[in-house]
Protein backbone atom coordinates (compact mmCIF):
# COMPACT_ATOMS: atom_id res chain seq x y z
CA UNK A 1 357.09 2.40 28.61
CA UNK A 2 358.47 -1.16 28.71
CA UNK A 3 359.14 -2.37 25.17
CA UNK A 4 360.68 -5.75 26.07
CA UNK A 5 359.64 -8.57 23.75
CA UNK A 6 357.81 -11.44 25.44
CA UNK A 7 359.52 -14.76 24.53
CA UNK A 8 356.04 -16.27 24.31
CA UNK A 9 355.16 -13.78 21.58
CA UNK A 10 358.28 -14.76 19.65
CA UNK A 11 357.36 -18.43 19.99
CA UNK A 12 353.80 -17.79 18.78
CA UNK A 13 354.98 -15.85 15.71
CA UNK A 14 357.49 -18.56 14.78
CA UNK A 15 354.78 -21.20 15.22
CA UNK A 16 352.47 -19.28 12.89
CA UNK A 17 355.26 -18.99 10.30
CA UNK A 18 355.83 -22.74 10.38
CA UNK A 19 352.12 -23.48 10.09
CA UNK A 20 351.55 -21.09 7.20
CA UNK A 21 354.63 -22.04 5.19
CA UNK A 22 353.67 -25.69 5.54
CA UNK A 23 350.08 -25.01 4.39
CA UNK A 24 351.12 -23.11 1.24
CA UNK A 25 353.98 -25.45 0.36
CA UNK A 26 356.86 -23.01 0.62
CA UNK A 27 359.20 -25.82 1.67
CA UNK A 28 358.50 -27.68 -1.59
CA UNK A 29 359.22 -26.50 -5.17
CA UNK A 30 356.86 -23.55 -5.16
CA UNK A 31 353.46 -23.96 -6.87
CA UNK A 32 354.56 -27.23 -8.42
CA UNK A 33 357.22 -25.47 -10.50
CA UNK A 34 361.01 -25.97 -10.47
CA UNK A 35 361.32 -22.40 -9.13
CA UNK A 36 361.80 -21.33 -5.54
CA UNK A 37 359.44 -18.95 -3.74
CA UNK A 38 362.00 -16.14 -4.12
CA UNK A 39 362.33 -16.72 -7.88
CA UNK A 40 358.56 -16.66 -8.32
CA UNK A 41 358.40 -13.47 -6.28
CA UNK A 42 360.98 -11.86 -8.58
CA UNK A 43 358.81 -12.79 -11.58
CA UNK A 44 355.79 -11.32 -9.79
CA UNK A 45 357.53 -7.99 -9.21
CA UNK A 46 358.68 -7.84 -12.82
CA UNK A 47 355.09 -8.47 -13.92
CA UNK A 48 353.53 -5.86 -11.66
CA UNK A 49 356.09 -3.05 -11.48
CA UNK A 50 356.89 -0.59 -14.23
CA UNK A 51 360.47 0.53 -14.73
CA UNK A 52 361.97 -2.20 -12.54
CA UNK A 53 365.73 -2.30 -12.19
CA UNK A 54 368.04 -4.75 -10.47
CA UNK A 55 368.65 -2.17 -7.76
CA UNK A 56 364.94 -1.56 -7.13
CA UNK A 57 364.22 -5.29 -6.99
CA UNK A 58 367.04 -5.88 -4.52
CA UNK A 59 365.76 -3.02 -2.35
CA UNK A 60 362.06 -3.92 -2.45
CA UNK A 61 362.61 -7.63 -1.88
CA UNK A 62 365.53 -7.32 0.53
CA UNK A 63 367.70 -9.58 -1.63
CA UNK A 64 371.46 -9.87 -1.84
CA UNK A 65 372.58 -8.15 -5.04
CA UNK A 66 374.84 -11.04 -6.04
CA UNK A 67 372.08 -13.63 -5.60
CA UNK A 68 369.60 -11.49 -7.54
CA UNK A 69 372.12 -11.01 -10.34
CA UNK A 70 372.49 -14.77 -10.74
CA UNK A 71 368.72 -15.27 -10.84
CA UNK A 72 368.25 -12.51 -13.43
CA UNK A 73 371.09 -13.94 -15.53
CA UNK A 74 369.36 -17.33 -15.54
CA UNK A 75 366.01 -15.70 -16.44
CA UNK A 76 367.76 -13.92 -19.30
CA UNK A 77 369.27 -17.16 -20.57
CA UNK A 78 365.76 -18.65 -20.61
CA UNK A 79 364.50 -15.67 -22.59
CA UNK A 80 362.15 -14.50 -19.81
CA UNK A 81 363.40 -10.93 -19.36
CA UNK A 82 364.53 -8.10 -21.59
CA UNK A 83 366.90 -5.31 -20.62
CA UNK A 84 366.35 -1.84 -22.06
CA UNK A 85 367.72 1.65 -21.25
CA UNK A 86 365.86 3.15 -18.29
CA UNK A 87 363.49 5.95 -19.25
CA UNK A 88 364.84 8.28 -16.56
CA UNK A 89 368.50 7.23 -16.46
CA UNK A 90 370.31 5.85 -19.51
CA UNK A 91 373.06 4.46 -17.26
CA UNK A 92 370.64 1.93 -15.77
CA UNK A 93 368.87 -1.01 -17.40
CA UNK A 94 365.13 -1.38 -17.13
CA UNK A 95 363.87 -4.94 -16.73
CA UNK A 96 360.66 -6.31 -18.20
CA UNK A 97 359.12 -9.70 -18.86
CA UNK A 98 359.23 -10.94 -22.43
CA UNK A 99 356.30 -12.86 -23.96
CA UNK A 100 358.13 -16.03 -22.93
CA UNK A 101 358.45 -14.64 -19.41
CA UNK A 102 354.74 -13.90 -19.24
CA UNK A 103 354.02 -17.41 -20.51
CA UNK A 104 356.12 -18.81 -17.67
CA UNK A 105 354.62 -16.53 -15.03
CA UNK A 106 350.89 -16.60 -15.79
CA UNK A 107 350.32 -20.29 -14.93
CA UNK A 108 352.12 -19.75 -11.63
CA UNK A 109 349.93 -16.75 -10.80
CA UNK A 110 346.77 -18.69 -11.59
CA UNK A 111 347.97 -21.64 -9.54
CA UNK A 112 348.61 -19.33 -6.58
CA UNK A 113 345.09 -17.88 -6.85
CA UNK A 114 343.56 -21.36 -6.93
CA UNK A 115 345.69 -22.51 -4.01
CA UNK A 116 344.58 -19.58 -1.84
CA UNK A 117 340.93 -20.03 -2.88
CA UNK A 118 341.12 -23.70 -1.91
CA UNK A 119 342.60 -22.80 1.47
CA UNK A 120 339.85 -20.24 2.16
CA UNK A 121 337.18 -22.70 1.04
CA UNK A 122 338.02 -24.90 4.04
CA UNK A 123 336.72 -22.16 6.37
CA UNK A 124 333.12 -21.36 7.19
CA UNK A 125 332.09 -17.81 6.13
CA UNK A 126 332.29 -16.38 9.66
CA UNK A 127 335.76 -17.87 10.24
CA UNK A 128 336.87 -16.63 6.83
CA UNK A 129 335.73 -13.10 7.70
CA UNK A 130 337.64 -13.26 10.99
CA UNK A 131 340.77 -14.43 9.17
CA UNK A 132 340.53 -11.60 6.63
CA UNK A 133 340.12 -9.01 9.39
CA UNK A 134 343.11 -10.44 11.27
CA UNK A 135 345.25 -10.41 8.12
CA UNK A 136 344.37 -6.79 7.37
CA UNK A 137 345.30 -5.88 10.93
CA UNK A 138 348.59 -7.80 10.77
CA UNK A 139 349.56 -6.27 7.44
CA UNK A 140 348.72 -2.78 8.66
CA UNK A 141 350.85 -3.26 11.80
CA UNK A 142 353.85 -4.85 10.10
CA UNK A 143 353.82 -2.74 6.94
CA UNK A 144 352.01 0.54 7.72
CA UNK A 145 350.74 2.56 4.79
CA UNK A 146 352.39 5.90 4.23
CA UNK A 147 350.54 8.86 5.66
CA UNK A 148 349.36 10.21 2.32
CA UNK A 149 347.71 6.93 1.35
CA UNK A 150 345.79 6.44 4.60
CA UNK A 151 342.08 7.24 4.78
CA UNK A 152 340.87 8.84 8.02
CA UNK A 153 337.21 9.54 8.76
CA UNK A 154 335.28 10.77 11.78
CA UNK A 155 331.82 9.25 12.09
CA UNK A 156 328.92 9.00 14.51
CA UNK A 157 329.05 6.17 17.05
CA UNK A 158 327.26 2.94 16.17
CA UNK A 159 326.11 -0.03 18.29
CA UNK A 160 329.18 -1.78 19.66
CA UNK A 161 331.40 1.28 19.56
CA UNK A 162 331.03 2.10 23.25
CA UNK A 163 332.22 -1.37 24.21
CA UNK A 164 335.26 -0.79 22.03
CA UNK A 165 335.86 2.59 23.71
CA UNK A 166 335.85 0.95 27.15
CA UNK A 167 338.13 -1.88 26.03
CA UNK A 168 340.63 0.45 24.37
CA UNK A 169 340.83 2.75 27.38
CA UNK A 170 341.42 -0.23 29.69
CA UNK A 171 344.11 -1.80 27.49
CA UNK A 172 345.90 1.39 26.45
CA UNK A 173 346.16 3.03 29.87
CA UNK A 174 347.26 -0.22 31.51
CA UNK A 175 349.97 -0.74 28.90
CA UNK A 176 351.26 2.83 28.67
CA UNK A 177 350.72 4.17 32.20
CA UNK A 178 350.26 1.12 34.41
CA UNK A 179 346.70 2.05 35.44
CA UNK A 180 344.71 -0.80 36.93
CA UNK A 181 341.19 -1.99 36.19
CA UNK A 182 339.65 0.76 38.35
CA UNK A 183 340.14 3.05 35.36
CA UNK A 184 338.39 0.66 32.99
CA UNK A 185 335.52 0.44 35.46
CA UNK A 186 335.27 4.24 35.55
CA UNK A 187 335.22 4.45 31.75
CA UNK A 188 332.54 1.75 31.64
CA UNK A 189 330.40 3.75 34.08
CA UNK A 190 330.84 6.93 32.05
CA UNK A 191 330.02 5.13 28.82
CA UNK A 192 326.92 3.49 30.28
CA UNK A 193 325.67 6.80 31.65
CA UNK A 194 326.18 8.52 28.30
CA UNK A 195 324.22 5.80 26.52
CA UNK A 196 321.33 5.95 29.01
CA UNK A 197 320.98 9.72 29.09
CA UNK A 198 322.13 10.74 25.60
CA UNK A 199 320.44 13.91 24.36
CA UNK A 200 321.11 14.34 20.63
CA UNK A 201 319.97 17.97 20.81
CA UNK A 202 322.95 18.94 22.93
CA UNK A 203 325.36 15.99 22.95
CA UNK A 204 327.39 14.16 20.35
CA UNK A 205 330.22 11.68 19.93
CA UNK A 206 332.71 10.78 17.21
CA UNK A 207 334.56 7.60 16.34
CA UNK A 208 337.76 8.01 14.31
CA UNK A 209 338.54 5.35 11.72
CA UNK A 210 341.79 4.88 9.84
CA UNK A 211 341.65 2.67 6.77
CA UNK A 212 338.34 1.29 8.05
CA UNK A 213 339.60 0.42 11.55
CA UNK A 214 338.48 2.17 14.74
CA UNK A 215 341.37 4.17 16.20
CA UNK A 216 339.87 6.95 18.32
CA UNK A 217 336.94 8.50 20.12
CA UNK A 218 335.67 11.66 21.79
CA UNK A 219 332.33 12.87 23.19
CA UNK A 220 330.63 16.12 24.16
CA UNK A 221 328.02 15.83 26.95
CA UNK A 222 325.82 18.44 28.59
CA UNK A 223 327.03 19.54 32.00
CA UNK A 224 324.58 22.42 32.42
CA UNK A 225 322.55 24.74 30.22
CA UNK A 226 325.66 26.82 29.51
CA UNK A 227 328.49 24.32 29.94
CA UNK A 228 329.46 21.20 27.99
CA UNK A 229 332.09 18.62 28.88
CA UNK A 230 334.60 16.88 26.60
CA UNK A 231 334.96 13.22 27.55
CA UNK A 232 336.87 10.06 26.61
CA UNK A 233 339.30 11.48 24.07
CA UNK A 234 341.35 8.50 22.90
CA UNK A 235 343.70 7.77 20.03
CA UNK A 236 345.30 4.39 19.37
CA UNK A 237 349.10 4.31 18.95
CA UNK A 238 348.75 3.22 15.31
CA UNK A 239 346.98 6.50 14.49
CA UNK A 240 349.24 8.94 16.28
CA UNK A 241 351.11 11.64 14.44
CA UNK A 242 348.38 12.17 11.85
CA UNK A 243 346.57 15.01 13.59
CA UNK A 244 343.49 12.94 14.46
CA UNK A 245 343.57 13.88 18.14
CA UNK A 246 343.39 17.53 17.18
CA UNK A 247 340.61 16.88 14.68
CA UNK A 248 338.53 15.10 17.30
CA UNK A 249 339.01 17.97 19.73
CA UNK A 250 338.18 20.55 17.04
CA UNK A 251 334.89 18.75 16.33
CA UNK A 252 333.96 19.00 20.00
CA UNK A 253 334.73 22.71 20.11
CA UNK A 254 332.78 23.43 16.93
CA UNK A 255 329.80 21.40 18.12
CA UNK A 256 329.70 23.02 21.57
CA UNK A 257 330.01 26.47 20.06
CA UNK A 258 327.30 25.73 17.50
CA UNK A 259 324.93 24.58 20.23
CA UNK A 260 325.34 27.84 22.12
CA UNK A 261 327.32 26.59 25.11
CA UNK A 262 329.33 29.32 26.80
CA UNK A 263 332.12 27.02 27.97
CA UNK A 264 333.65 23.62 27.23
CA UNK A 265 335.36 21.87 30.16
CA UNK A 266 337.28 18.64 30.67
CA UNK A 267 339.13 16.62 33.30
CA UNK A 268 342.50 15.01 32.64
CA UNK A 269 345.72 14.13 34.45
CA UNK A 270 349.06 15.91 34.40
CA UNK A 271 350.95 12.90 33.02
CA UNK A 272 348.84 12.80 29.83
CA UNK A 273 351.20 15.17 28.08
CA UNK A 274 350.01 14.68 24.51
CA UNK A 275 346.37 15.39 25.39
CA UNK A 276 347.35 18.44 27.44
CA UNK A 277 349.28 19.80 24.45
CA UNK A 278 346.24 19.38 22.21
CA UNK A 279 344.04 21.23 24.68
CA UNK A 280 346.51 24.06 25.29
CA UNK A 281 347.00 24.68 21.55
CA UNK A 282 343.25 25.22 21.21
CA UNK A 283 342.99 27.76 23.97
CA UNK A 284 341.94 25.59 26.91
CA UNK A 285 343.17 27.01 30.21
CA UNK A 286 344.16 25.01 33.28
CA UNK A 287 341.58 25.96 35.91
CA UNK A 288 342.81 23.91 38.89
CA UNK A 289 344.72 20.77 39.80
CA UNK A 290 344.71 18.37 42.74
CA UNK A 291 346.83 15.33 43.67
CA UNK A 292 344.93 12.07 44.01
CA UNK A 293 345.61 8.36 44.23
CA UNK A 294 343.54 6.51 41.65
CA UNK A 295 343.85 3.56 39.30
CA UNK A 296 346.77 2.25 41.36
CA UNK A 297 348.87 5.38 40.79
CA UNK A 298 349.70 8.72 42.42
CA UNK A 299 348.35 11.27 39.95
CA UNK A 300 347.56 14.95 39.59
CA UNK A 301 344.07 15.58 38.29
CA UNK A 302 343.43 18.72 36.26
CA UNK A 303 340.36 20.67 35.21
CA UNK A 304 340.67 22.61 31.96
CA UNK A 305 338.17 25.07 30.43
CA UNK A 306 337.68 26.88 27.13
CA UNK A 307 335.44 29.96 26.90
CA UNK A 308 333.45 29.71 23.70
């Protein structure tokens, strides 16, 4: 997969940085105080973290230890911080804001809240909602949550989900495998057919969400009275490695078995190695394969089946 960075993307990100820093006044004394943005951020961390040390601040903020030491020394001279033995290691000093430090920090925090509220107030509600969604996406991509803090759910499809499924298949397979828009057209046809003919008595779909964002899909459709088909298994790159692909497949197997189908089948391609691994681990057997030229590529199509 080509991971080269588009110079246009770099230019866009730098442009956004310039726009945002100008809007929040980072280039001026921050929040109308004599402090820099970095100094205010150090105060913020001291106010919101328990058992802070110089080492932990330098690590979390990515600061040079010498620079941080000079800032902390100045804060100490102003009576803003106290140094006490660390609860877990007497060799280290634990840092905390003094009452004078809190008195210096609180007006800055309130000013920051008011500044952000004023900025958001310039946007109509729909534009504000779009901005918040974009910010959550950007933060999740640039600073992913650790696995144990992420919330994954599998839910029933809702209006609009099938359009997302088509879009994600088109984008993902073009980016990762070079498939052309013939594949997106095929997925659109499959999705439209499933919507038109959906039989809730014998068919079901799932949408996977991670931290409230759609990241995956899978569907079980009736192929005959005794055979069901697994279709459109998809997992976004941001959700990989968490076992969601396996969970989606397991739901299909459990549903098909519960509905009395004798067999669950699927069609995939030999180059989709991750999906093939998921199927094989759950007992699916490769029934047959055949070379074909589709979606702008030379591929090997495969039929897999699981006896229920």
